[in-house]
């Protein structure tokens, strides 16, 4: 705690898993550090619970367990990074600062305004109305929701959606964005998908 304070990082501390889960679900943290060996609920259980609740806060798992099986268990629970004890505090601080700059990609429930996605159930809704999305539309919407309210460039969309495959021309992306707009915006009173000229596309809930 004192080392973090010297580095200008404010943090809260929870001695048990249940207390940690309560703090993590009621505060907008930039990063969560989880020790696997916690009383009441271990770190893996806390991590799993946070991801099921839709938390997209990056999670760094701390543990003395260094086998591949243990690491895979941490990532399967929803951790973004894994640090094995003993470690240098400078490395811990560097990883915390790196994770704090982004949202986690491990969350299984996404919510942006009236839009909701449950990745485990493969269900997407707007205003509780189910959206019938093609596989590509699903990937596009997930990408936009994870980035919201940030702008996703067209190059990034192409890389993320067609990774490892033949890169389509720009017209193909336009067609898929048109299909997504028909599902997400057309039946409703306001448009959430917004094109930012020369930059890309974003999800916007309120006028700004």
N, C-alpha and C. Protein backbone atom coordinates (compact mmCIF):
# COMPACT_ATOMS: atom_id res chain seq x y z
N UNK A 1 0.83 -1.21 0.00
CA UNK A 1 0.00 0.00 0.00
C UNK A 1 0.86 1.25 0.00
N UNK A 2 1.86 1.29 0.90
CA UNK A 2 2.69 2.49 1.00
C UNK A 2 3.52 2.69 -0.27
N UNK A 3 3.96 1.58 -0.90
CA UNK A 3 4.73 1.71 -2.14
C UNK A 3 3.86 2.31 -3.25
N UNK A 4 2.61 1.86 -3.33
CA UNK A 4 1.70 2.42 -4.33
C UNK A 4 1.50 3.91 -4.08
N UNK A 5 1.35 4.30 -2.83
CA UNK A 5 1.15 5.71 -2.50
C UNK A 5 2.35 6.55 -2.92
N UNK A 6 3.55 5.99 -2.73
CA UNK A 6 4.76 6.69 -3.16
C UNK A 6 4.79 6.87 -4.67
N UNK A 7 4.15 5.95 -5.39
CA UNK A 7 4.09 6.03 -6.85
C UNK A 7 2.89 6.84 -7.33
N UNK A 8 2.14 7.42 -6.38
CA UNK A 8 1.00 8.24 -6.76
C UNK A 8 -0.24 7.46 -7.14
N UNK A 9 -0.34 6.21 -6.64
CA UNK A 9 -1.48 5.36 -6.95
C UNK A 9 -2.34 5.19 -5.70
N UNK A 10 -3.59 5.61 -5.77
CA UNK A 10 -4.51 5.45 -4.65
C UNK A 10 -5.15 4.06 -4.71
N UNK A 11 -5.28 3.41 -3.57
CA UNK A 11 -5.85 2.07 -3.59
C UNK A 11 -6.60 1.76 -2.29
N UNK A 12 -7.57 0.84 -2.40
CA UNK A 12 -8.28 0.31 -1.25
C UNK A 12 -7.81 -1.12 -1.00
N UNK A 13 -8.01 -1.58 0.23
CA UNK A 13 -7.55 -2.93 0.59
C UNK A 13 -8.71 -3.71 1.22
N UNK A 14 -8.85 -4.96 0.82
CA UNK A 14 -9.85 -5.85 1.40
C UNK A 14 -9.16 -7.13 1.86
N UNK A 15 -9.32 -7.52 3.14
CA UNK A 15 -8.63 -8.71 3.65
C UNK A 15 -9.28 -10.03 3.25
N UNK A 16 -10.53 -9.99 2.77
CA UNK A 16 -11.22 -11.23 2.39
C UNK A 16 -11.79 -11.10 0.98
N UNK A 17 -12.10 -12.25 0.40
CA UNK A 17 -12.67 -12.25 -0.94
C UNK A 17 -14.03 -11.58 -1.00
N UNK A 18 -14.87 -11.83 0.00
CA UNK A 18 -16.21 -11.25 0.00
C UNK A 18 -16.15 -9.73 0.13
N UNK A 19 -15.25 -9.23 0.96
CA UNK A 19 -15.10 -7.78 1.10
C UNK A 19 -14.55 -7.16 -0.20
N UNK A 20 -13.62 -7.89 -0.82
CA UNK A 20 -13.06 -7.41 -2.07
C UNK A 20 -14.11 -7.34 -3.17
N UNK A 21 -14.97 -8.36 -3.22
CA UNK A 21 -16.04 -8.38 -4.22
C UNK A 21 -16.99 -7.21 -4.01
N UNK A 22 -17.31 -6.91 -2.76
CA UNK A 22 -18.20 -5.80 -2.46
C UNK A 22 -17.59 -4.47 -2.90
N UNK A 23 -16.30 -4.28 -2.59
CA UNK A 23 -15.62 -3.05 -3.00
C UNK A 23 -15.59 -2.93 -4.53
N UNK A 24 -15.28 -4.05 -5.18
CA UNK A 24 -15.11 -4.03 -6.64
C UNK A 24 -16.42 -3.79 -7.38
N UNK A 25 -17.53 -4.14 -6.75
CA UNK A 25 -18.83 -3.94 -7.41
C UNK A 25 -19.48 -2.60 -7.08
N UNK A 26 -18.87 -1.86 -6.16
CA UNK A 26 -19.46 -0.57 -5.77
C UNK A 26 -18.55 0.62 -6.07
N UNK A 27 -17.35 0.37 -6.60
CA UNK A 27 -16.41 1.45 -6.88
C UNK A 27 -15.86 1.33 -8.30
N UNK A 28 -15.69 2.46 -8.99
CA UNK A 28 -15.19 2.45 -10.37
C UNK A 28 -13.67 2.42 -10.44
N UNK A 29 -13.07 1.31 -10.06
CA UNK A 29 -11.61 1.20 -10.05
C UNK A 29 -11.03 1.14 -11.47
N UNK A 30 -9.78 1.56 -11.59
CA UNK A 30 -9.07 1.45 -12.87
C UNK A 30 -8.48 0.05 -13.05
N UNK A 31 -8.06 -0.56 -11.94
CA UNK A 31 -7.47 -1.90 -11.97
C UNK A 31 -7.77 -2.61 -10.65
N UNK A 32 -7.90 -3.92 -10.72
CA UNK A 32 -8.10 -4.73 -9.51
C UNK A 32 -6.95 -5.72 -9.38
N UNK A 33 -6.34 -5.76 -8.19
CA UNK A 33 -5.32 -6.76 -7.87
C UNK A 33 -5.98 -7.84 -7.03
N UNK A 34 -5.87 -9.09 -7.46
CA UNK A 34 -6.50 -10.19 -6.74
C UNK A 34 -5.47 -11.24 -6.35
N UNK A 35 -5.37 -11.52 -5.04
CA UNK A 35 -4.56 -12.64 -4.59
C UNK A 35 -5.44 -13.89 -4.65
N UNK A 36 -4.92 -14.98 -5.19
CA UNK A 36 -5.75 -16.19 -5.29
C UNK A 36 -6.11 -16.72 -3.90
N UNK A 37 -5.16 -16.69 -2.97
CA UNK A 37 -5.39 -17.26 -1.64
C UNK A 37 -6.04 -16.26 -0.69
N UNK A 38 -7.34 -16.01 -0.90
CA UNK A 38 -8.10 -15.13 -0.03
C UNK A 38 -9.10 -15.95 0.78
N UNK A 39 -9.37 -15.56 2.03
CA UNK A 39 -10.39 -16.27 2.82
C UNK A 39 -11.80 -15.93 2.35
N UNK A 40 -12.76 -16.77 2.68
CA UNK A 40 -14.18 -16.63 2.33
C UNK A 40 -14.44 -16.97 0.86
N UNK A 41 -13.85 -16.19 -0.01
CA UNK A 41 -13.87 -16.45 -1.46
C UNK A 41 -12.46 -16.30 -1.97
N UNK A 42 -11.97 -17.28 -2.73
CA UNK A 42 -10.62 -17.11 -3.25
C UNK A 42 -10.63 -16.18 -4.46
N UNK A 43 -9.46 -15.81 -4.91
CA UNK A 43 -9.36 -14.85 -6.00
C UNK A 43 -10.03 -15.30 -7.28
N UNK A 44 -9.95 -16.60 -7.57
CA UNK A 44 -10.60 -17.11 -8.78
C UNK A 44 -12.11 -16.95 -8.70
N UNK A 45 -12.68 -17.20 -7.53
CA UNK A 45 -14.13 -17.06 -7.35
C UNK A 45 -14.56 -15.60 -7.45
N UNK A 46 -13.76 -14.71 -6.89
CA UNK A 46 -14.07 -13.28 -6.97
C UNK A 46 -14.01 -12.82 -8.43
N UNK A 47 -12.98 -13.24 -9.13
CA UNK A 47 -12.81 -12.86 -10.53
C UNK A 47 -13.98 -13.36 -11.38
N UNK A 48 -14.36 -14.61 -11.17
CA UNK A 48 -15.48 -15.19 -11.93
C UNK A 48 -16.76 -14.42 -11.66
N UNK A 49 -17.01 -14.09 -10.39
CA UNK A 49 -18.22 -13.36 -10.02
C UNK A 49 -18.25 -11.98 -10.66
N UNK A 50 -17.12 -11.30 -10.68
CA UNK A 50 -17.06 -9.96 -11.29
C UNK A 50 -17.36 -10.02 -12.79
N UNK A 51 -16.79 -11.00 -13.46
CA UNK A 51 -17.03 -11.11 -14.90
C UNK A 51 -18.47 -11.49 -15.21
N UNK A 52 -19.07 -12.34 -14.39
CA UNK A 52 -20.47 -12.70 -14.61
C UNK A 52 -21.39 -11.51 -14.39
N UNK A 53 -20.95 -10.59 -13.52
CA UNK A 53 -21.74 -9.38 -13.26
C UNK A 53 -21.48 -8.29 -14.29
N UNK A 54 -20.61 -8.56 -15.25
CA UNK A 54 -20.37 -7.60 -16.32
C UNK A 54 -19.24 -6.62 -16.08
N UNK A 55 -18.45 -6.81 -15.05
CA UNK A 55 -17.35 -5.88 -14.78
C UNK A 55 -16.32 -5.94 -15.89
N UNK A 56 -15.92 -4.75 -16.40
CA UNK A 56 -14.87 -4.70 -17.41
C UNK A 56 -13.60 -4.04 -16.86
N UNK A 57 -13.46 -4.03 -15.52
CA UNK A 57 -12.25 -3.51 -14.90
C UNK A 57 -11.12 -4.53 -15.09
N UNK A 58 -9.96 -4.12 -15.57
CA UNK A 58 -8.85 -5.06 -15.74
C UNK A 58 -8.45 -5.69 -14.40
N UNK A 59 -8.18 -6.99 -14.42
CA UNK A 59 -7.83 -7.72 -13.20
C UNK A 59 -6.45 -8.35 -13.35
N UNK A 60 -5.58 -8.06 -12.38
CA UNK A 60 -4.26 -8.67 -12.31
C UNK A 60 -4.26 -9.67 -11.17
N UNK A 61 -3.98 -10.94 -11.49
CA UNK A 61 -4.00 -12.01 -10.49
C UNK A 61 -2.61 -12.18 -9.90
N UNK A 62 -2.53 -12.20 -8.57
CA UNK A 62 -1.27 -12.41 -7.86
C UNK A 62 -1.31 -13.77 -7.18
N UNK A 63 -0.25 -14.56 -7.35
CA UNK A 63 -0.26 -15.91 -6.78
C UNK A 63 1.15 -16.48 -6.70
N UNK A 64 1.30 -17.45 -5.81
CA UNK A 64 2.57 -18.19 -5.72
C UNK A 64 2.54 -19.41 -6.62
N UNK A 65 1.38 -19.70 -7.20
CA UNK A 65 1.24 -20.87 -8.07
C UNK A 65 1.73 -20.52 -9.48
N UNK A 66 2.73 -21.26 -9.93
CA UNK A 66 3.35 -20.89 -11.20
C UNK A 66 3.22 -21.94 -12.29
N UNK A 67 2.39 -22.95 -12.09
CA UNK A 67 2.23 -23.96 -13.13
C UNK A 67 1.35 -23.43 -14.26
N UNK A 68 1.47 -24.02 -15.43
CA UNK A 68 0.66 -23.62 -16.55
C UNK A 68 -0.82 -23.81 -16.26
N UNK A 69 -1.15 -24.90 -15.57
CA UNK A 69 -2.54 -25.18 -15.22
C UNK A 69 -3.12 -24.08 -14.35
N UNK A 70 -2.33 -23.60 -13.39
CA UNK A 70 -2.79 -22.52 -12.50
C UNK A 70 -3.00 -21.23 -13.28
N UNK A 71 -2.09 -20.95 -14.20
CA UNK A 71 -2.23 -19.73 -14.99
C UNK A 71 -3.46 -19.79 -15.89
N UNK A 72 -3.68 -20.95 -16.50
CA UNK A 72 -4.85 -21.10 -17.36
C UNK A 72 -6.13 -20.93 -16.55
N UNK A 73 -6.14 -21.45 -15.32
CA UNK A 73 -7.32 -21.30 -14.45
C UNK A 73 -7.60 -19.83 -14.17
N UNK A 74 -6.53 -19.05 -13.98
CA UNK A 74 -6.70 -17.62 -13.74
C UNK A 74 -7.28 -16.90 -14.94
N UNK A 75 -6.76 -17.21 -16.12
CA UNK A 75 -7.27 -16.57 -17.33
C UNK A 75 -8.69 -17.03 -17.64
N UNK A 76 -8.97 -18.30 -17.39
CA UNK A 76 -10.33 -18.81 -17.62
C UNK A 76 -11.34 -18.13 -16.69
N UNK A 77 -10.89 -17.73 -15.50
CA UNK A 77 -11.78 -17.05 -14.56
C UNK A 77 -12.05 -15.62 -14.98
N UNK A 78 -11.21 -15.10 -15.89
CA UNK A 78 -11.43 -13.74 -16.38
C UNK A 78 -10.32 -12.76 -16.08
N UNK A 79 -9.16 -13.26 -15.61
CA UNK A 79 -8.04 -12.36 -15.34
C UNK A 79 -7.44 -11.85 -16.64
N UNK A 80 -6.89 -10.63 -16.60
CA UNK A 80 -6.24 -10.04 -17.76
C UNK A 80 -4.73 -10.24 -17.73
N UNK A 81 -4.18 -10.39 -16.54
CA UNK A 81 -2.73 -10.56 -16.40
C UNK A 81 -2.48 -11.41 -15.17
N UNK A 82 -1.24 -11.94 -15.07
CA UNK A 82 -0.91 -12.92 -14.04
C UNK A 82 0.52 -12.65 -13.59
N UNK A 83 0.72 -12.46 -12.28
CA UNK A 83 2.05 -12.20 -11.76
C UNK A 83 2.35 -13.18 -10.63
N UNK A 84 3.47 -13.88 -10.78
CA UNK A 84 3.84 -14.93 -9.81
C UNK A 84 4.76 -14.36 -8.74
N UNK A 85 4.46 -14.70 -7.49
CA UNK A 85 5.30 -14.30 -6.36
C UNK A 85 6.56 -15.18 -6.34
N UNK A 86 7.68 -14.63 -5.88
CA UNK A 86 7.92 -13.22 -5.54
C UNK A 86 8.13 -12.38 -6.81
N UNK A 87 7.82 -11.11 -6.69
CA UNK A 87 7.99 -10.22 -7.83
C UNK A 87 8.54 -8.87 -7.36
N UNK A 88 9.10 -8.13 -8.28
CA UNK A 88 9.60 -6.79 -7.99
C UNK A 88 8.43 -5.82 -7.99
N UNK A 89 8.38 -4.93 -7.00
CA UNK A 89 7.30 -3.98 -6.92
C UNK A 89 7.26 -3.06 -8.15
N UNK A 90 8.42 -2.78 -8.72
CA UNK A 90 8.45 -1.94 -9.91
C UNK A 90 7.70 -2.60 -11.07
N UNK A 91 7.84 -3.92 -11.16
CA UNK A 91 7.12 -4.64 -12.22
C UNK A 91 5.62 -4.60 -11.95
N UNK A 92 5.22 -4.78 -10.69
CA UNK A 92 3.80 -4.74 -10.35
C UNK A 92 3.20 -3.38 -10.70
N UNK A 93 3.89 -2.32 -10.34
CA UNK A 93 3.41 -0.97 -10.64
C UNK A 93 3.31 -0.76 -12.15
N UNK A 94 4.30 -1.24 -12.89
CA UNK A 94 4.29 -1.08 -14.35
C UNK A 94 3.09 -1.80 -14.96
N UNK A 95 2.78 -2.99 -14.47
CA UNK A 95 1.64 -3.74 -15.01
C UNK A 95 0.32 -3.09 -14.63
N UNK A 96 0.23 -2.57 -13.41
CA UNK A 96 -0.98 -1.88 -12.97
C UNK A 96 -1.23 -0.66 -13.87
N UNK A 97 -0.20 0.11 -14.14
CA UNK A 97 -0.35 1.31 -14.97
C UNK A 97 -0.74 0.93 -16.40
N UNK A 98 -0.18 -0.15 -16.89
CA UNK A 98 -0.52 -0.59 -18.24
C UNK A 98 -1.98 -1.03 -18.33
N UNK A 99 -2.43 -1.82 -17.35
CA UNK A 99 -3.81 -2.31 -17.35
C UNK A 99 -4.82 -1.18 -17.16
N UNK A 100 -4.44 -0.18 -16.38
CA UNK A 100 -5.38 0.90 -16.06
C UNK A 100 -5.74 1.76 -17.27
N UNK A 101 -5.00 1.61 -18.35
CA UNK A 101 -5.24 2.44 -19.54
C UNK A 101 -6.32 1.86 -20.45
N UNK A 102 -6.86 0.70 -20.11
CA UNK A 102 -7.84 0.07 -20.99
C UNK A 102 -8.90 -0.67 -20.20
N UNK A 103 -9.97 -1.01 -20.88
CA UNK A 103 -10.99 -1.87 -20.29
C UNK A 103 -10.59 -3.32 -20.48
N UNK A 104 -11.12 -4.16 -19.63
CA UNK A 104 -10.86 -5.58 -19.81
C UNK A 104 -11.67 -6.13 -20.98
N UNK A 105 -11.10 -7.10 -21.65
CA UNK A 105 -11.82 -7.80 -22.72
C UNK A 105 -12.44 -9.08 -22.21
N UNK A 106 -12.41 -9.30 -20.89
CA UNK A 106 -12.86 -10.55 -20.33
C UNK A 106 -14.32 -10.54 -19.87
N UNK A 107 -14.90 -9.35 -19.78
CA UNK A 107 -16.28 -9.27 -19.30
C UNK A 107 -17.23 -10.02 -20.22
N UNK A 108 -18.15 -10.77 -19.63
CA UNK A 108 -19.11 -11.55 -20.40
C UNK A 108 -20.47 -10.85 -20.51
N UNK A 109 -20.63 -9.73 -19.84
CA UNK A 109 -21.86 -8.95 -19.93
C UNK A 109 -21.49 -7.50 -20.21
N UNK A 110 -21.98 -6.98 -21.32
CA UNK A 110 -21.68 -5.61 -21.71
C UNK A 110 -22.95 -4.78 -21.68
N UNK A 111 -22.82 -3.51 -21.30
CA UNK A 111 -23.98 -2.62 -21.26
C UNK A 111 -23.54 -1.22 -21.66
N UNK A 112 -24.20 -0.66 -22.66
CA UNK A 112 -23.99 0.71 -23.08
C UNK A 112 -25.36 1.33 -23.26
N UNK A 113 -25.77 2.16 -22.31
CA UNK A 113 -27.11 2.74 -22.38
C UNK A 113 -28.16 1.65 -22.45
N UNK A 114 -29.05 1.69 -23.45
CA UNK A 114 -30.11 0.69 -23.56
C UNK A 114 -29.66 -0.61 -24.21
N UNK A 115 -28.38 -0.67 -24.62
CA UNK A 115 -27.85 -1.87 -25.26
C UNK A 115 -27.24 -2.81 -24.24
N UNK A 116 -27.55 -4.11 -24.36
CA UNK A 116 -26.98 -5.12 -23.48
C UNK A 116 -26.55 -6.32 -24.32
N UNK A 117 -25.41 -6.90 -23.94
CA UNK A 117 -24.95 -8.13 -24.56
C UNK A 117 -24.54 -9.11 -23.48
N UNK A 118 -25.03 -10.33 -23.57
CA UNK A 118 -24.59 -11.41 -22.69
C UNK A 118 -23.85 -12.40 -23.57
N UNK A 119 -22.52 -12.40 -23.49
CA UNK A 119 -21.73 -13.22 -24.39
C UNK A 119 -21.86 -14.71 -24.08
N UNK A 120 -22.04 -15.04 -22.82
CA UNK A 120 -22.16 -16.45 -22.46
C UNK A 120 -23.48 -17.04 -22.96
N UNK A 121 -24.55 -16.25 -22.93
CA UNK A 121 -25.85 -16.72 -23.42
C UNK A 121 -26.06 -16.40 -24.90
N UNK A 122 -25.16 -15.59 -25.44
CA UNK A 122 -25.24 -15.16 -26.85
C UNK A 122 -26.55 -14.42 -27.13
N UNK A 123 -26.84 -13.45 -26.25
CA UNK A 123 -28.07 -12.67 -26.36
C UNK A 123 -27.72 -11.18 -26.38
N UNK A 124 -28.31 -10.44 -27.31
CA UNK A 124 -28.13 -8.99 -27.37
C UNK A 124 -29.50 -8.34 -27.41
N UNK A 125 -29.68 -7.24 -26.64
CA UNK A 125 -30.97 -6.56 -26.60
C UNK A 125 -30.77 -5.05 -26.61
N UNK A 126 -31.81 -4.34 -27.08
CA UNK A 126 -31.90 -2.89 -26.90
C UNK A 126 -33.27 -2.61 -26.31
N UNK A 127 -33.28 -1.90 -25.19
CA UNK A 127 -34.53 -1.65 -24.46
C UNK A 127 -35.28 -2.97 -24.21
N UNK A 128 -34.50 -4.00 -23.89
CA UNK A 128 -35.02 -5.35 -23.59
C UNK A 128 -35.62 -6.04 -24.82
N UNK A 129 -35.50 -5.44 -25.99
CA UNK A 129 -35.96 -6.07 -27.23
C UNK A 129 -34.82 -6.86 -27.85
N UNK A 130 -34.99 -8.16 -28.09
CA UNK A 130 -33.91 -8.96 -28.67
C UNK A 130 -33.48 -8.46 -30.05
N UNK A 131 -32.18 -8.48 -30.29
CA UNK A 131 -31.63 -8.09 -31.58
C UNK A 131 -31.20 -9.36 -32.33
N UNK A 132 -31.64 -9.48 -33.56
CA UNK A 132 -31.27 -10.64 -34.37
C UNK A 132 -30.06 -10.26 -35.21
N UNK A 133 -28.89 -10.65 -34.75
CA UNK A 133 -27.63 -10.23 -35.36
C UNK A 133 -26.96 -11.37 -36.12
N UNK A 134 -26.39 -11.04 -37.25
CA UNK A 134 -25.56 -12.00 -37.96
C UNK A 134 -24.25 -12.15 -37.18
N UNK A 135 -23.47 -13.21 -37.43
CA UNK A 135 -22.19 -13.36 -36.72
C UNK A 135 -21.28 -12.14 -36.86
N UNK A 136 -21.23 -11.54 -38.05
CA UNK A 136 -20.38 -10.37 -38.24
C UNK A 136 -20.95 -9.15 -37.52
N UNK A 137 -22.27 -8.99 -37.54
CA UNK A 137 -22.89 -7.88 -36.82
C UNK A 137 -22.65 -8.02 -35.32
N UNK A 138 -22.68 -9.25 -34.83
CA UNK A 138 -22.40 -9.49 -33.40
C UNK A 138 -20.99 -9.03 -33.06
N UNK A 139 -20.01 -9.41 -33.88
CA UNK A 139 -18.62 -9.02 -33.62
C UNK A 139 -18.46 -7.49 -33.66
N UNK A 140 -19.13 -6.86 -34.63
CA UNK A 140 -19.04 -5.40 -34.73
C UNK A 140 -19.64 -4.72 -33.51
N UNK A 141 -20.80 -5.19 -33.07
CA UNK A 141 -21.45 -4.57 -31.92
C UNK A 141 -20.64 -4.79 -30.66
N UNK A 142 -20.10 -5.98 -30.48
CA UNK A 142 -19.26 -6.24 -29.31
C UNK A 142 -18.04 -5.32 -29.31
N UNK A 143 -17.42 -5.16 -30.46
CA UNK A 143 -16.25 -4.28 -30.57
C UNK A 143 -16.61 -2.84 -30.21
N UNK A 144 -17.73 -2.36 -30.71
CA UNK A 144 -18.16 -0.98 -30.42
C UNK A 144 -18.53 -0.81 -28.95
N UNK A 145 -19.18 -1.82 -28.37
CA UNK A 145 -19.58 -1.72 -26.97
C UNK A 145 -18.37 -1.75 -26.04
N UNK A 146 -17.40 -2.58 -26.34
CA UNK A 146 -16.20 -2.63 -25.50
C UNK A 146 -15.41 -1.33 -25.57
N UNK A 147 -15.46 -0.66 -26.72
CA UNK A 147 -14.70 0.58 -26.90
C UNK A 147 -15.45 1.81 -26.42
N UNK A 148 -16.78 1.71 -26.29
CA UNK A 148 -17.62 2.88 -25.98
C UNK A 148 -17.16 3.58 -24.70
N UNK A 149 -17.19 4.93 -24.72
CA UNK A 149 -17.69 5.83 -25.78
C UNK A 149 -16.63 6.20 -26.82
N UNK A 150 -15.54 5.44 -26.84
CA UNK A 150 -14.47 5.74 -27.79
C UNK A 150 -14.84 5.40 -29.22
N UNK A 151 -14.07 5.96 -30.14
CA UNK A 151 -14.28 5.75 -31.57
C UNK A 151 -13.43 4.57 -32.04
N UNK A 152 -14.02 3.69 -32.83
CA UNK A 152 -13.31 2.56 -33.42
C UNK A 152 -13.06 2.88 -34.88
N UNK A 153 -11.80 2.89 -35.30
CA UNK A 153 -11.48 3.21 -36.69
C UNK A 153 -11.90 2.08 -37.61
N UNK A 154 -12.08 2.40 -38.87
CA UNK A 154 -12.45 1.37 -39.84
C UNK A 154 -11.35 0.33 -39.99
N UNK A 155 -10.08 0.76 -39.94
CA UNK A 155 -8.98 -0.19 -40.02
C UNK A 155 -9.01 -1.17 -38.85
N UNK A 156 -9.33 -0.64 -37.64
CA UNK A 156 -9.41 -1.51 -36.47
C UNK A 156 -10.56 -2.50 -36.60
N UNK A 157 -11.69 -2.04 -37.11
CA UNK A 157 -12.83 -2.94 -37.31
C UNK A 157 -12.47 -4.07 -38.26
N UNK A 158 -11.81 -3.73 -39.35
CA UNK A 158 -11.42 -4.75 -40.32
C UNK A 158 -10.45 -5.75 -39.70
N UNK A 159 -9.46 -5.26 -38.95
CA UNK A 159 -8.48 -6.15 -38.32
C UNK A 159 -9.14 -7.08 -37.32
N UNK A 160 -10.04 -6.54 -36.50
CA UNK A 160 -10.66 -7.33 -35.44
C UNK A 160 -11.67 -8.34 -35.99
N UNK A 161 -12.43 -7.95 -36.98
CA UNK A 161 -13.49 -8.81 -37.48
C UNK A 161 -12.96 -9.89 -38.41
N UNK A 162 -11.99 -9.54 -39.26
CA UNK A 162 -11.51 -10.50 -40.25
C UNK A 162 -10.06 -10.90 -39.97
N UNK A 163 -9.71 -11.04 -38.72
CA UNK A 163 -8.33 -11.38 -38.37
C UNK A 163 -7.95 -12.75 -38.94
N UNK A 164 -6.80 -12.79 -39.60
CA UNK A 164 -6.32 -14.05 -40.15
C UNK A 164 -7.02 -14.48 -41.43
N UNK A 165 -7.99 -13.69 -41.89
CA UNK A 165 -8.72 -14.04 -43.10
C UNK A 165 -8.41 -13.02 -44.20
N UNK A 166 -8.93 -13.27 -45.38
CA UNK A 166 -8.74 -12.31 -46.46
C UNK A 166 -9.41 -10.98 -46.09
N UNK A 167 -8.69 -9.89 -46.20
CA UNK A 167 -9.20 -8.58 -45.85
C UNK A 167 -10.17 -8.11 -46.94
N UNK A 168 -11.41 -7.80 -46.58
CA UNK A 168 -12.39 -7.37 -47.59
C UNK A 168 -12.16 -5.91 -47.98
N UNK A 169 -12.80 -5.50 -49.06
CA UNK A 169 -12.71 -4.09 -49.43
C UNK A 169 -13.64 -3.27 -48.54
N UNK A 170 -13.53 -1.95 -48.65
CA UNK A 170 -14.27 -1.06 -47.75
C UNK A 170 -15.78 -1.19 -47.92
N UNK A 171 -16.23 -1.58 -49.10
CA UNK A 171 -17.66 -1.70 -49.33
C UNK A 171 -18.28 -2.82 -48.49
N UNK A 172 -17.51 -3.88 -48.25
CA UNK A 172 -18.02 -4.99 -47.44
C UNK A 172 -18.29 -4.53 -46.02
N UNK A 173 -17.37 -3.74 -45.45
CA UNK A 173 -17.57 -3.21 -44.11
C UNK A 173 -18.79 -2.29 -44.07
N UNK A 174 -18.97 -1.46 -45.09
CA UNK A 174 -20.13 -0.58 -45.14
C UNK A 174 -21.44 -1.37 -45.11
N UNK A 175 -21.47 -2.48 -45.84
CA UNK A 175 -22.67 -3.32 -45.88
C UNK A 175 -22.98 -3.87 -44.50
N UNK A 176 -21.96 -4.36 -43.81
CA UNK A 176 -22.18 -4.94 -42.48
C UNK A 176 -22.59 -3.86 -41.46
N UNK A 177 -22.03 -2.67 -41.58
CA UNK A 177 -22.44 -1.58 -40.69
C UNK A 177 -23.88 -1.17 -40.97
N UNK A 178 -24.27 -1.21 -42.22
CA UNK A 178 -25.66 -0.90 -42.59
C UNK A 178 -26.61 -1.93 -41.97
N UNK A 179 -26.24 -3.21 -42.03
CA UNK A 179 -27.06 -4.26 -41.42
C UNK A 179 -27.16 -4.07 -39.91
N UNK A 180 -26.04 -3.69 -39.28
CA UNK A 180 -26.05 -3.48 -37.83
C UNK A 180 -26.96 -2.32 -37.46
N UNK A 181 -26.91 -1.25 -38.23
CA UNK A 181 -27.77 -0.08 -37.96
C UNK A 181 -29.25 -0.46 -38.09
N UNK A 182 -29.58 -1.31 -39.05
CA UNK A 182 -30.96 -1.73 -39.23
C UNK A 182 -31.48 -2.45 -37.99
N UNK A 183 -30.63 -3.21 -37.32
CA UNK A 183 -31.05 -3.93 -36.13
C UNK A 183 -31.02 -3.06 -34.88
N UNK A 184 -29.96 -2.28 -34.73
CA UNK A 184 -29.74 -1.53 -33.48
C UNK A 184 -30.49 -0.21 -33.44
N UNK A 185 -30.62 0.46 -34.60
CA UNK A 185 -31.18 1.82 -34.61
C UNK A 185 -32.55 1.96 -35.29
N UNK A 186 -32.74 1.33 -36.43
CA UNK A 186 -33.92 1.60 -37.25
C UNK A 186 -35.25 1.40 -36.53
N UNK A 187 -35.43 0.35 -35.72
CA UNK A 187 -36.74 0.16 -35.07
C UNK A 187 -36.99 1.09 -33.89
N UNK A 188 -35.98 1.91 -33.53
CA UNK A 188 -36.08 2.70 -32.30
C UNK A 188 -36.10 4.20 -32.61
N UNK A 189 -36.39 4.99 -31.59
CA UNK A 189 -36.60 6.42 -31.79
C UNK A 189 -35.32 7.23 -31.92
N UNK A 190 -34.19 6.67 -31.53
CA UNK A 190 -32.93 7.41 -31.61
C UNK A 190 -31.82 6.50 -32.13
N UNK A 191 -30.82 7.12 -32.74
CA UNK A 191 -29.68 6.38 -33.27
C UNK A 191 -28.54 6.34 -32.27
N UNK A 192 -28.00 5.15 -32.06
CA UNK A 192 -26.86 4.99 -31.15
C UNK A 192 -25.55 4.87 -31.91
N UNK A 193 -25.60 4.36 -33.12
CA UNK A 193 -24.38 4.18 -33.92
C UNK A 193 -24.10 5.46 -34.69
N UNK A 194 -22.95 6.04 -34.43
CA UNK A 194 -22.61 7.34 -35.00
C UNK A 194 -21.30 7.26 -35.77
N UNK A 195 -21.30 7.76 -37.00
CA UNK A 195 -20.08 7.85 -37.80
C UNK A 195 -19.37 9.16 -37.52
N UNK A 196 -18.10 9.08 -37.17
CA UNK A 196 -17.28 10.27 -36.95
C UNK A 196 -16.40 10.42 -38.19
N UNK A 197 -16.69 11.38 -39.02
CA UNK A 197 -16.00 11.55 -40.30
C UNK A 197 -14.49 11.56 -40.14
N UNK A 198 -13.83 10.74 -40.94
CA UNK A 198 -12.36 10.63 -40.98
C UNK A 198 -11.77 9.94 -39.76
N UNK A 199 -12.62 9.47 -38.85
CA UNK A 199 -12.11 8.80 -37.66
C UNK A 199 -12.64 7.37 -37.51
N UNK A 200 -13.94 7.19 -37.65
CA UNK A 200 -14.48 5.85 -37.48
C UNK A 200 -15.91 5.86 -36.99
N UNK A 201 -16.25 4.91 -36.15
CA UNK A 201 -17.62 4.73 -35.67
C UNK A 201 -17.60 4.56 -34.15
N UNK A 202 -18.66 5.06 -33.51
CA UNK A 202 -18.78 4.88 -32.07
C UNK A 202 -20.22 4.71 -31.69
N UNK A 203 -20.43 4.26 -30.46
CA UNK A 203 -21.76 4.20 -29.87
C UNK A 203 -21.97 5.45 -29.03
N UNK A 204 -23.06 6.17 -29.28
CA UNK A 204 -23.37 7.37 -28.51
C UNK A 204 -24.76 7.23 -27.92
N UNK A 205 -24.85 7.45 -26.61
CA UNK A 205 -26.13 7.34 -25.93
C UNK A 205 -26.75 8.71 -25.75
N UNK A 206 -25.98 9.68 -25.30
CA UNK A 206 -26.50 11.03 -25.07
C UNK A 206 -25.84 12.01 -26.01
N UNK A 207 -26.54 13.04 -26.38
CA UNK A 207 -25.96 14.11 -27.19
C UNK A 207 -24.84 14.78 -26.42
N UNK A 208 -23.73 15.04 -27.12
CA UNK A 208 -22.62 15.72 -26.46
C UNK A 208 -22.04 16.78 -27.37
